[in-house]
Amino acid sequence: MFNLNIKNVSAEEAHKLINDDNEFIIIDVRTKEEYDDGHIPGAKLVPVQSLTMKLDELAVYKDKPLLVYCASGGRSPRAVETLANNDFKNIYHLNRGIGSWRYNIAR
């Protein structure tokens, strides 16, 4: 399912990548309610249902590393596929979603 531009990462790997690279863009594809309940600090809310409408807005990040996540890894693969099919080059997918995240959460 995933192409070469996409890397599946664990929460531990994602946490390290984010801390090592301040260029990292984090995209939360859950609903606003889920996002408001708690999200990875610095994450941008782009619900999977509105992702295609926001592609122009997100285009400035095409060459930056992107971490995409949802609650458990069910919705984010669809978002990752959409981004990959629209020339986003450096996509990281958080395996098992924010449910696997054991670090700080922003509210």
PDB file of N, CA and C in Angstrom:
ATOM      1  N   MET A   1       0.819  -1.202   0.000  1.00  0.00           N
ATOM      2  CA  MET A   1       0.000   0.000   0.000  1.00  0.00           C
ATOM      3  C   MET A   1       0.858   1.259   0.000  1.00  0.00           C
ATOM      4  N   PHE A   2       1.938   1.281   0.777  1.00  0.00           N
ATOM      5  CA  PHE A   2       2.731   2.495   0.880  1.00  0.00           C
ATOM      6  C   PHE A   2       3.820   2.545  -0.171  1.00  0.00           C
ATOM      7  N   ASN A   3       4.097   3.738  -0.673  1.00  0.00           N
ATOM      8  CA  ASN A   3       5.185   3.890  -1.638  1.00  0.00           C
ATOM      9  C   ASN A   3       6.476   4.305  -0.920  1.00  0.00           C
ATOM     10  N   LEU A   4       7.514   4.550  -1.680  1.00  0.00           N
ATOM     11  CA  LEU A   4       8.826   4.828  -1.097  1.00  0.00           C
ATOM     12  C   LEU A   4       8.911   6.151  -0.357  1.00  0.00           C
ATOM     13  N   ASN A   5       7.976   7.065  -0.625  1.00  0.00           N
ATOM     14  CA  ASN A   5       7.993   8.359   0.066  1.00  0.00           C
ATOM     15  C   ASN A   5       7.418   8.258   1.470  1.00  0.00           C
ATOM     16  N   ILE A   6       6.910   7.078   1.827  1.00  0.00           N
ATOM     17  CA  ILE A   6       6.187   6.926   3.083  1.00  0.00           C
ATOM     18  C   ILE A   6       6.926   5.968   4.002  1.00  0.00           C
ATOM     19  N   LYS A   7       7.101   6.396   5.252  1.00  0.00           N
ATOM     20  CA  LYS A   7       7.744   5.551   6.247  1.00  0.00           C
ATOM     21  C   LYS A   7       6.787   5.363   7.411  1.00  0.00           C
ATOM     22  N   ASN A   8       6.520   4.119   7.759  1.00  0.00           N
ATOM     23  CA  ASN A   8       5.743   3.820   8.960  1.00  0.00           C
ATOM     24  C   ASN A   8       6.664   3.938  10.157  1.00  0.00           C
ATOM     25  N   VAL A   9       6.274   4.700  11.164  1.00  0.00           N
ATOM     26  CA  VAL A   9       7.124   4.858  12.344  1.00  0.00           C
ATOM     27  C   VAL A   9       6.330   4.612  13.619  1.00  0.00           C
ATOM     28  N   SER A  10       7.041   4.158  14.641  1.00  0.00           N
ATOM     29  CA  SER A  10       6.441   3.979  15.967  1.00  0.00           C
ATOM     30  C   SER A  10       6.371   5.344  16.653  1.00  0.00           C
ATOM     31  N   ALA A  11       5.666   5.401  17.762  1.00  0.00           N
ATOM     32  CA  ALA A  11       5.596   6.645  18.532  1.00  0.00           C
ATOM     33  C   ALA A  11       6.990   7.073  18.985  1.00  0.00           C
ATOM     34  N   GLU A  12       7.818   6.105  19.383  1.00  0.00           N
ATOM     35  CA  GLU A  12       9.176   6.417  19.835  1.00  0.00           C
ATOM     36  C   GLU A  12       9.990   7.039  18.693  1.00  0.00           C
ATOM     37  N   GLU A  13       9.906   6.426  17.507  1.00  0.00           N
ATOM     38  CA  GLU A  13      10.631   6.962  16.350  1.00  0.00           C
ATOM     39  C   GLU A  13      10.114   8.359  15.988  1.00  0.00           C
ATOM     40  N   ALA A  14       8.795   8.524  15.992  1.00  0.00           N
ATOM     41  CA  ALA A  14       8.196   9.818  15.652  1.00  0.00           C
ATOM     42  C   ALA A  14       8.647  10.889  16.638  1.00  0.00           C
ATOM     43  N   HIS A  15       8.632  10.572  17.916  1.00  0.00           N
ATOM     44  CA  HIS A  15       9.031  11.519  18.955  1.00  0.00           C
ATOM     45  C   HIS A  15      10.470  11.969  18.732  1.00  0.00           C
ATOM     46  N   LYS A  16      11.353  11.018  18.429  1.00  0.00           N
ATOM     47  CA  LYS A  16      12.758  11.343  18.174  1.00  0.00           C
ATOM     48  C   LYS A  16      12.903  12.213  16.918  1.00  0.00           C
ATOM     49  N   LEU A  17      12.192  11.848  15.854  1.00  0.00           N
ATOM     50  CA  LEU A  17      12.259  12.619  14.606  1.00  0.00           C
ATOM     51  C   LEU A  17      11.815  14.065  14.824  1.00  0.00           C
ATOM     52  N   ILE A  18      10.717  14.238  15.538  1.00  0.00           N
ATOM     53  CA  ILE A  18      10.182  15.583  15.802  1.00  0.00           C
ATOM     54  C   ILE A  18      11.185  16.398  16.613  1.00  0.00           C
ATOM     55  N   ASN A  19      11.791  15.771  17.612  1.00  0.00           N
ATOM     56  CA  ASN A  19      12.755  16.484  18.456  1.00  0.00           C
ATOM     57  C   ASN A  19      14.054  16.796  17.731  1.00  0.00           C
ATOM     58  N   ASP A  20      14.425  15.966  16.761  1.00  0.00           N
ATOM     59  CA  ASP A  20      15.678  16.159  16.027  1.00  0.00           C
ATOM     60  C   ASP A  20      15.545  17.127  14.855  1.00  0.00           C
ATOM     61  N   ASP A  21      14.338  17.407  14.413  1.00  0.00           N
ATOM     62  CA  ASP A  21      14.140  18.200  13.199  1.00  0.00           C
ATOM     63  C   ASP A  21      13.019  19.204  13.407  1.00  0.00           C
ATOM     64  N   ASN A  22      13.377  20.477  13.565  1.00  0.00           N
ATOM     65  CA  ASN A  22      12.335  21.481  13.812  1.00  0.00           C
ATOM     66  C   ASN A  22      11.573  21.863  12.551  1.00  0.00           C
ATOM     67  N   GLU A  23      11.900  21.234  11.415  1.00  0.00           N
ATOM     68  CA  GLU A  23      11.158  21.443  10.172  1.00  0.00           C
ATOM     69  C   GLU A  23       9.944  20.509  10.083  1.00  0.00           C
ATOM     70  N   PHE A  24       9.845  19.563  11.007  1.00  0.00           N
ATOM     71  CA  PHE A  24       8.782  18.555  10.946  1.00  0.00           C
ATOM     72  C   PHE A  24       7.409  19.203  11.016  1.00  0.00           C
ATOM     73  N   ILE A  25       6.529  18.814  10.106  1.00  0.00           N
ATOM     74  CA  ILE A  25       5.145  19.270  10.107  1.00  0.00           C
ATOM     75  C   ILE A  25       4.301  18.085  10.582  1.00  0.00           C
ATOM     76  N   ILE A  26       3.462  18.320  11.569  1.00  0.00           N
ATOM     77  CA  ILE A  26       2.638  17.249  12.138  1.00  0.00           C
ATOM     78  C   ILE A  26       1.191  17.508  11.736  1.00  0.00           C
ATOM     79  N   ILE A  27       0.571  16.494  11.145  1.00  0.00           N
ATOM     80  CA  ILE A  27      -0.808  16.635  10.680  1.00  0.00           C
ATOM     81  C   ILE A  27      -1.697  15.614  11.380  1.00  0.00           C
ATOM     82  N   ASP A  28      -2.688  16.134  12.086  1.00  0.00           N
ATOM     83  CA  ASP A  28      -3.679  15.324  12.801  1.00  0.00           C
ATOM     84  C   ASP A  28      -4.914  15.262  11.911  1.00  0.00           C
ATOM     85  N   VAL A  29      -5.303  14.059  11.486  1.00  0.00           N
ATOM     86  CA  VAL A  29      -6.431  13.940  10.551  1.00  0.00           C
ATOM     87  C   VAL A  29      -7.725  13.497  11.250  1.00  0.00           C
ATOM     88  N   ARG A  30      -7.770  13.639  12.572  1.00  0.00           N
ATOM     89  CA  ARG A  30      -8.985  13.294  13.315  1.00  0.00           C
ATOM     90  C   ARG A  30      -9.997  14.445  13.256  1.00  0.00           C
ATOM     91  N   THR A  31     -11.080  14.306  13.994  1.00  0.00           N
ATOM     92  CA  THR A  31     -12.087  15.370  14.048  1.00  0.00           C
ATOM     93  C   THR A  31     -11.624  16.487  14.989  1.00  0.00           C
ATOM     94  N   LYS A  32     -12.276  17.639  14.895  1.00  0.00           N
ATOM     95  CA  LYS A  32     -11.946  18.760  15.780  1.00  0.00           C
ATOM     96  C   LYS A  32     -12.159  18.373  17.237  1.00  0.00           C
ATOM     97  N   GLU A  33     -13.206  17.612  17.537  1.00  0.00           N
ATOM     98  CA  GLU A  33     -13.481  17.203  18.915  1.00  0.00           C
ATOM     99  C   GLU A  33     -12.343  16.327  19.455  1.00  0.00           C
ATOM    100  N   GLU A  34     -11.896  15.376  18.628  1.00  0.00           N
ATOM    101  CA  GLU A  34     -10.787  14.516  19.049  1.00  0.00           C
ATOM    102  C   GLU A  34      -9.516  15.343  19.266  1.00  0.00           C
ATOM    103  N   TYR A  35      -9.258  16.253  18.320  1.00  0.00           N
ATOM    104  CA  TYR A  35      -8.086  17.126  18.399  1.00  0.00           C
ATOM    105  C   TYR A  35      -8.130  17.947  19.690  1.00  0.00           C
ATOM    106  N   ASP A  36      -9.300  18.526  20.004  1.00  0.00           N
ATOM    107  CA  ASP A  36      -9.450  19.350  21.197  1.00  0.00           C
ATOM    108  C   ASP A  36      -9.260  18.541  22.476  1.00  0.00           C
ATOM    109  N   ASP A  37      -9.540  17.245  22.426  1.00  0.00           N
ATOM    110  CA  ASP A  37      -9.344  16.373  23.585  1.00  0.00           C
ATOM    111  C   ASP A  37      -7.872  16.120  23.876  1.00  0.00           C
ATOM    112  N   GLY A  38      -7.022  16.343  22.888  1.00  0.00           N
ATOM    113  CA  GLY A  38      -5.587  16.177  23.080  1.00  0.00           C
ATOM    114  C   GLY A  38      -4.909  15.783  21.790  1.00  0.00           C
ATOM    115  N   HIS A  39      -3.796  16.459  21.479  1.00  0.00           N
ATOM    116  CA  HIS A  39      -3.066  16.198  20.236  1.00  0.00           C
ATOM    117  C   HIS A  39      -1.568  16.342  20.478  1.00  0.00           C
ATOM    118  N   ILE A  40      -0.784  15.866  19.538  1.00  0.00           N
ATOM    119  CA  ILE A  40       0.665  16.023  19.617  1.00  0.00           C
ATOM    120  C   ILE A  40       0.968  17.526  19.525  1.00  0.00           C
ATOM    121  N   PRO A  41       1.786  18.058  20.439  1.00  0.00           N
ATOM    122  CA  PRO A  41       2.077  19.497  20.415  1.00  0.00           C
ATOM    123  C   PRO A  41       2.576  19.949  19.040  1.00  0.00           C
ATOM    124  N   GLY A  42       1.986  21.042  18.558  1.00  0.00           N
ATOM    125  CA  GLY A  42       2.379  21.601  17.266  1.00  0.00           C
ATOM    126  C   GLY A  42       1.630  21.017  16.081  1.00  0.00           C
ATOM    127  N   ALA A  43       0.777  20.021  16.327  1.00  0.00           N
ATOM    128  CA  ALA A  43       0.048  19.389  15.223  1.00  0.00           C
ATOM    129  C   ALA A  43      -0.976  20.341  14.626  1.00  0.00           C
ATOM    130  N   LYS A  44      -1.092  20.264  13.299  1.00  0.00           N
ATOM    131  CA  LYS A  44      -2.113  21.023  12.585  1.00  0.00           C
ATOM    132  C   LYS A  44      -3.308  20.103  12.377  1.00  0.00           C
ATOM    133  N   LEU A  45      -4.494  20.606  12.642  1.00  0.00           N
ATOM    134  CA  LEU A  45      -5.710  19.825  12.435  1.00  0.00           C
ATOM    135  C   LEU A  45      -6.145  19.926  10.977  1.00  0.00           C
ATOM    136  N   VAL A  46      -6.169  18.776  10.309  1.00  0.00           N
ATOM    137  CA  VAL A  46      -6.679  18.695   8.943  1.00  0.00           C
ATOM    138  C   VAL A  46      -7.497  17.401   8.871  1.00  0.00           C
ATOM    139  N   PRO A  47      -8.786  17.460   9.255  1.00  0.00           N
ATOM    140  CA  PRO A  47      -9.591  16.241   9.247  1.00  0.00           C
ATOM    141  C   PRO A  47      -9.532  15.543   7.889  1.00  0.00           C
ATOM    142  N   VAL A  48      -9.453  14.224   7.932  1.00  0.00           N
ATOM    143  CA  VAL A  48      -9.274  13.452   6.699  1.00  0.00           C
ATOM    144  C   VAL A  48     -10.359  13.794   5.671  1.00  0.00           C
ATOM    145  N   GLN A  49     -11.569  14.107   6.132  1.00  0.00           N
ATOM    146  CA  GLN A  49     -12.665  14.425   5.216  1.00  0.00           C
ATOM    147  C   GLN A  49     -12.411  15.714   4.438  1.00  0.00           C
ATOM    148  N   SER A  50     -11.614  16.625   5.009  1.00  0.00           N
ATOM    149  CA  SER A  50     -11.388  17.907   4.318  1.00  0.00           C
ATOM    150  C   SER A  50      -9.983  18.005   3.730  1.00  0.00           C
ATOM    151  N   LEU A  51      -9.226  16.925   3.779  1.00  0.00           N
ATOM    152  CA  LEU A  51      -7.840  16.966   3.308  1.00  0.00           C
ATOM    153  C   LEU A  51      -7.726  17.392   1.849  1.00  0.00           C
ATOM    154  N   THR A  52      -8.531  16.814   0.974  1.00  0.00           N
ATOM    155  CA  THR A  52      -8.405  17.159  -0.451  1.00  0.00           C
ATOM    156  C   THR A  52      -8.686  18.644  -0.688  1.00  0.00           C
ATOM    157  N   MET A  53      -9.582  19.232   0.105  1.00  0.00           N
ATOM    158  CA  MET A  53      -9.881  20.659  -0.051  1.00  0.00           C
ATOM    159  C   MET A  53      -8.744  21.532   0.474  1.00  0.00           C
ATOM    160  N   LYS A  54      -7.882  20.983   1.317  1.00  0.00           N
ATOM    161  CA  LYS A  54      -6.795  21.758   1.933  1.00  0.00           C
ATOM    162  C   LYS A  54      -5.449  21.527   1.250  1.00  0.00           C
ATOM    163  N   LEU A  55      -5.419  20.731   0.165  1.00  0.00           N
ATOM    164  CA  LEU A  55      -4.142  20.408  -0.476  1.00  0.00           C
ATOM    165  C   LEU A  55      -3.383  21.648  -0.941  1.00  0.00           C
ATOM    166  N   ASP A  56      -4.090  22.640  -1.475  1.00  0.00           N
ATOM    167  CA  ASP A  56      -3.419  23.869  -1.930  1.00  0.00           C
ATOM    168  C   ASP A  56      -2.754  24.583  -0.757  1.00  0.00           C
ATOM    169  N   GLU A  57      -3.476  24.628   0.358  1.00  0.00           N
ATOM    170  CA  GLU A  57      -2.973  25.258   1.577  1.00  0.00           C
ATOM    171  C   GLU A  57      -1.735  24.502   2.109  1.00  0.00           C
ATOM    172  N   LEU A  58      -1.749  23.184   1.997  1.00  0.00           N
ATOM    173  CA  LEU A  58      -0.655  22.353   2.505  1.00  0.00           C
ATOM    174  C   LEU A  58       0.528  22.260   1.543  1.00  0.00           C
ATOM    175  N   ALA A  59       0.353  22.718   0.310  1.00  0.00           N
ATOM    176  CA  ALA A  59       1.384  22.586  -0.723  1.00  0.00           C
ATOM    177  C   ALA A  59       2.734  23.167  -0.300  1.00  0.00           C
ATOM    178  N   VAL A  60       2.732  24.166   0.574  1.00  0.00           N
ATOM    179  CA  VAL A  60       3.998  24.759   1.033  1.00  0.00           C
ATOM    180  C   VAL A  60       4.854  23.747   1.797  1.00  0.00           C
ATOM    181  N   TYR A  61       4.249  22.637   2.218  1.00  0.00           N
ATOM    182  CA  TYR A  61       4.974  21.614   2.982  1.00  0.00           C
ATOM    183  C   TYR A  61       5.396  20.416   2.135  1.00  0.00           C
ATOM    184  N   LYS A  62       5.230  20.496   0.825  1.00  0.00           N
ATOM    185  CA  LYS A  62       5.487  19.328  -0.042  1.00  0.00           C
ATOM    186  C   LYS A  62       6.867  18.717   0.134  1.00  0.00           C
ATOM    187  N   ASP A  63       7.876  19.537   0.402  1.00  0.00           N
ATOM    188  CA  ASP A  63       9.234  19.020   0.517  1.00  0.00           C
ATOM    189  C   ASP A  63       9.710  18.887   1.963  1.00  0.00           C
ATOM    190  N   LYS A  64       8.834  19.182   2.905  1.00  0.00           N
ATOM    191  CA  LYS A  64       9.203  19.066   4.318  1.00  0.00           C
ATOM    192  C   LYS A  64       8.756  17.690   4.845  1.00  0.00           C
ATOM    193  N   PRO A  65       9.413  17.217   5.900  1.00  0.00           N
ATOM    194  CA  PRO A  65       8.960  15.956   6.486  1.00  0.00           C
ATOM    195  C   PRO A  65       7.608  16.162   7.180  1.00  0.00           C
ATOM    196  N   LEU A  66       6.671  15.273   6.872  1.00  0.00           N
ATOM    197  CA  LEU A  66       5.323  15.339   7.440  1.00  0.00           C
ATOM    198  C   LEU A  66       5.063  14.095   8.275  1.00  0.00           C
ATOM    199  N   LEU A  67       4.550  14.283   9.471  1.00  0.00           N
ATOM    200  CA  LEU A  67       4.079  13.159  10.277  1.00  0.00           C
ATOM    201  C   LEU A  67       2.564  13.214  10.268  1.00  0.00           C
ATOM    202  N   VAL A  68       1.931  12.129   9.831  1.00  0.00           N
ATOM    203  CA  VAL A  68       0.473  12.073   9.737  1.00  0.00           C
ATOM    204  C   VAL A  68      -0.028  11.046  10.746  1.00  0.00           C
ATOM    205  N   TYR A  69      -1.074  11.417  11.489  1.00  0.00           N
ATOM    206  CA  TYR A  69      -1.640  10.461  12.444  1.00  0.00           C
ATOM    207  C   TYR A  69      -3.131  10.678  12.634  1.00  0.00           C
ATOM    208  N   CYS A  70      -3.777   9.629  13.146  1.00  0.00           N
ATOM    209  CA  CYS A  70      -5.178   9.701  13.560  1.00  0.00           C
ATOM    210  C   CYS A  70      -5.250   9.100  14.960  1.00  0.00           C
ATOM    211  N   ALA A  71      -6.385   8.525  15.325  1.00  0.00           N
ATOM    212  CA  ALA A  71      -6.539   7.974  16.673  1.00  0.00           C
ATOM    213  C   ALA A  71      -5.808   6.640  16.823  1.00  0.00           C
ATOM    214  N   SER A  72      -6.011   5.724  15.869  1.00  0.00           N
ATOM    215  CA  SER A  72      -5.452   4.375  16.027  1.00  0.00           C
ATOM    216  C   SER A  72      -4.793   3.824  14.772  1.00  0.00           C
ATOM    217  N   GLY A  73      -4.744   4.622  13.715  1.00  0.00           N
ATOM    218  CA  GLY A  73      -4.138   4.156  12.469  1.00  0.00           C
ATOM    219  C   GLY A  73      -5.158   3.709  11.438  1.00  0.00           C
ATOM    220  N   GLY A  74      -6.435   3.954  11.684  1.00  0.00           N
ATOM    221  CA  GLY A  74      -7.486   3.573  10.748  1.00  0.00           C
ATOM    222  C   GLY A  74      -7.735   4.583   9.633  1.00  0.00           C
ATOM    223  N   ARG A  75      -7.732   5.863   9.966  1.00  0.00           N
ATOM    224  CA  ARG A  75      -8.016   6.916   8.978  1.00  0.00           C
ATOM    225  C   ARG A  75      -6.769   7.469   8.317  1.00  0.00           C
ATOM    226  N   SER A  76      -5.669   7.497   9.047  1.00  0.00           N
ATOM    227  CA  SER A  76      -4.465   8.148   8.518  1.00  0.00           C
ATOM    228  C   SER A  76      -3.910   7.524   7.239  1.00  0.00           C
ATOM    229  N   PRO A  77      -4.015   6.202   7.013  1.00  0.00           N
ATOM    230  CA  PRO A  77      -3.502   5.685   5.733  1.00  0.00           C
ATOM    231  C   PRO A  77      -4.171   6.329   4.516  1.00  0.00           C
ATOM    232  N   ARG A  78      -5.446   6.654   4.629  1.00  0.00           N
ATOM    233  CA  ARG A  78      -6.148   7.319   3.535  1.00  0.00           C
ATOM    234  C   ARG A  78      -5.549   8.709   3.296  1.00  0.00           C
ATOM    235  N   ALA A  79      -5.262   9.411   4.372  1.00  0.00           N
ATOM    236  CA  ALA A  79      -4.665  10.749   4.270  1.00  0.00           C
ATOM    237  C   ALA A  79      -3.260  10.662   3.677  1.00  0.00           C
ATOM    238  N   VAL A  80      -2.489   9.682   4.134  1.00  0.00           N
ATOM    239  CA  VAL A  80      -1.123   9.480   3.640  1.00  0.00           C
ATOM    240  C   VAL A  80      -1.147   9.206   2.139  1.00  0.00           C
ATOM    241  N   GLU A  81      -2.066   8.370   1.716  1.00  0.00           N
ATOM    242  CA  GLU A  81      -2.187   8.039   0.292  1.00  0.00           C
ATOM    243  C   GLU A  81      -2.533   9.282  -0.530  1.00  0.00           C
ATOM    244  N   THR A  82      -3.461  10.086  -0.025  1.00  0.00           N
ATOM    245  CA  THR A  82      -3.840  11.329  -0.713  1.00  0.00           C
ATOM    246  C   THR A  82      -2.634  12.251  -0.845  1.00  0.00           C
ATOM    247  N   LEU A  83      -1.875  12.411   0.227  1.00  0.00           N
ATOM    248  CA  LEU A  83      -0.692  13.279   0.186  1.00  0.00           C
ATOM    249  C   LEU A  83       0.343  12.731  -0.794  1.00  0.00           C
ATOM    250  N   ALA A  84       0.608  11.440  -0.735  1.00  0.00           N
ATOM    251  CA  ALA A  84       1.603  10.821  -1.631  1.00  0.00           C
ATOM    252  C   ALA A  84       1.189  10.982  -3.089  1.00  0.00           C
ATOM    253  N   ASN A  85      -0.097  10.851  -3.358  1.00  0.00           N
ATOM    254  CA  ASN A  85      -0.602  10.984  -4.726  1.00  0.00           C
ATOM    255  C   ASN A  85      -0.597  12.428  -5.212  1.00  0.00           C
ATOM    256  N   ASN A  86      -0.334  13.362  -4.306  1.00  0.00           N
ATOM    257  CA  ASN A  86      -0.276  14.780  -4.665  1.00  0.00           C
ATOM    258  C   ASN A  86       1.125  15.343  -4.473  1.00  0.00           C
ATOM    259  N   ASP A  87       2.116  14.499  -4.679  1.00  0.00           N
ATOM    260  CA  ASP A  87       3.526  14.911  -4.735  1.00  0.00           C
ATOM    261  C   ASP A  87       4.150  15.364  -3.419  1.00  0.00           C
ATOM    262  N   PHE A  88       3.582  14.961  -2.299  1.00  0.00           N
ATOM    263  CA  PHE A  88       4.266  15.201  -1.033  1.00  0.00           C
ATOM    264  C   PHE A  88       5.374  14.162  -0.946  1.00  0.00           C
ATOM    265  N   LYS A  89       6.586  14.601  -0.586  1.00  0.00           N
ATOM    266  CA  LYS A  89       7.773  13.786  -0.791  1.00  0.00           C
ATOM    267  C   LYS A  89       8.265  12.996   0.413  1.00  0.00           C
ATOM    268  N   ASN A  90       7.955  13.441   1.609  1.00  0.00           N
ATOM    269  CA  ASN A  90       8.643  12.921   2.782  1.00  0.00           C
ATOM    270  C   ASN A  90       7.625  12.677   3.898  1.00  0.00           C
ATOM    271  N   ILE A  91       6.871  11.588   3.780  1.00  0.00           N
ATOM    272  CA  ILE A  91       5.732  11.345   4.663  1.00  0.00           C
ATOM    273  C   ILE A  91       6.058  10.248   5.672  1.00  0.00           C
ATOM    274  N   TYR A  92       5.760  10.556   6.919  1.00  0.00           N
ATOM    275  CA  TYR A  92       5.893   9.580   7.995  1.00  0.00           C
ATOM    276  C   TYR A  92       4.492   9.299   8.522  1.00  0.00           C
ATOM    277  N   HIS A  93       4.190   8.037   8.714  1.00  0.00           N
ATOM    278  CA  HIS A  93       2.876   7.627   9.211  1.00  0.00           C
ATOM    279  C   HIS A  93       3.048   7.060  10.605  1.00  0.00           C
ATOM    280  N   LEU A  94       2.331   7.625  11.580  1.00  0.00           N
ATOM    281  CA  LEU A  94       2.427   7.153  12.964  1.00  0.00           C
ATOM    282  C   LEU A  94       1.616   5.868  13.107  1.00  0.00           C
ATOM    283  N   ASN A  95       2.335   4.765  13.210  1.00  0.00           N
ATOM    284  CA  ASN A  95       1.708   3.455  13.415  1.00  0.00           C
ATOM    285  C   ASN A  95       0.843   3.480  14.666  1.00  0.00           C
ATOM    286  N   ARG A  96      -0.353   2.969  14.590  1.00  0.00           N
ATOM    287  CA  ARG A  96      -1.273   2.862  15.723  1.00  0.00           C
ATOM    288  C   ARG A  96      -1.714   4.219  16.280  1.00  0.00           C
ATOM    289  N   GLY A  97      -1.441   5.295  15.535  1.00  0.00           N
ATOM    290  CA  GLY A  97      -1.995   6.603  15.870  1.00  0.00           C
ATOM    291  C   GLY A  97      -1.589   7.165  17.217  1.00  0.00           C
ATOM    292  N   ILE A  98      -2.334   8.181  17.626  1.00  0.00           N
ATOM    293  CA  ILE A  98      -2.023   8.864  18.882  1.00  0.00           C
ATOM    294  C   ILE A  98      -2.259   7.947  20.081  1.00  0.00           C
ATOM    295  N   GLY A  99      -3.006   6.872  19.865  1.00  0.00           N
ATOM    296  CA  GLY A  99      -3.211   5.898  20.940  1.00  0.00           C
ATOM    297  C   GLY A  99      -1.910   5.283  21.426  1.00  0.00           C
ATOM    298  N   SER A 100      -0.889   5.302  20.584  1.00  0.00           N
ATOM    299  CA  SER A 100       0.405   4.733  20.960  1.00  0.00           C
ATOM    300  C   SER A 100       1.365   5.801  21.498  1.00  0.00           C
ATOM    301  N   TRP A 101       0.938   7.061  21.505  1.00  0.00           N
ATOM    302  CA  TRP A 101       1.792   8.192  21.900  1.00  0.00           C
ATOM    303  C   TRP A 101       1.878   8.277  23.421  1.00  0.00           C
ATOM    304  N   ARG A 102       3.082   8.184  23.965  1.00  0.00           N
ATOM    305  CA  ARG A 102       3.257   8.209  25.414  1.00  0.00           C
ATOM    306  C   ARG A 102       3.989   9.474  25.886  1.00  0.00           C
ATOM    307  N   TYR A 103       3.896  10.520  25.071  1.00  0.00           N
ATOM    308  CA  TYR A 103       4.623  11.753  25.365  1.00  0.00           C
ATOM    309  C   TYR A 103       3.620  12.869  25.646  1.00  0.00           C
ATOM    310  N   ASN A 104       4.131  14.097  25.719  1.00  0.00           N
ATOM    311  CA  ASN A 104       3.255  15.240  26.004  1.00  0.00           C
ATOM    312  C   ASN A 104       2.113  15.335  25.005  1.00  0.00           C
ATOM    313  N   ILE A 105       0.969  15.755  25.533  1.00  0.00           N
ATOM    314  CA  ILE A 105      -0.224  15.995  24.728  1.00  0.00           C
ATOM    315  C   ILE A 105      -0.628  17.444  24.961  1.00  0.00           C
ATOM    316  N   ALA A 106      -0.977  18.131  23.879  1.00  0.00           N
ATOM    317  CA  ALA A 106      -1.456  19.514  23.995  1.00  0.00           C
ATOM    318  C   ALA A 106      -2.980  19.509  23.973  1.00  0.00           C
ATOM    319  N   ARG A 107      -3.555  20.452  24.693  1.00  0.00           N
ATOM    320  CA  ARG A 107      -5.022  20.565  24.722  1.00  0.00           C
ATOM    321  C   ARG A 107      -5.419  22.011  24.460  1.00  0.00           C
TER     322      ARG A 107
END
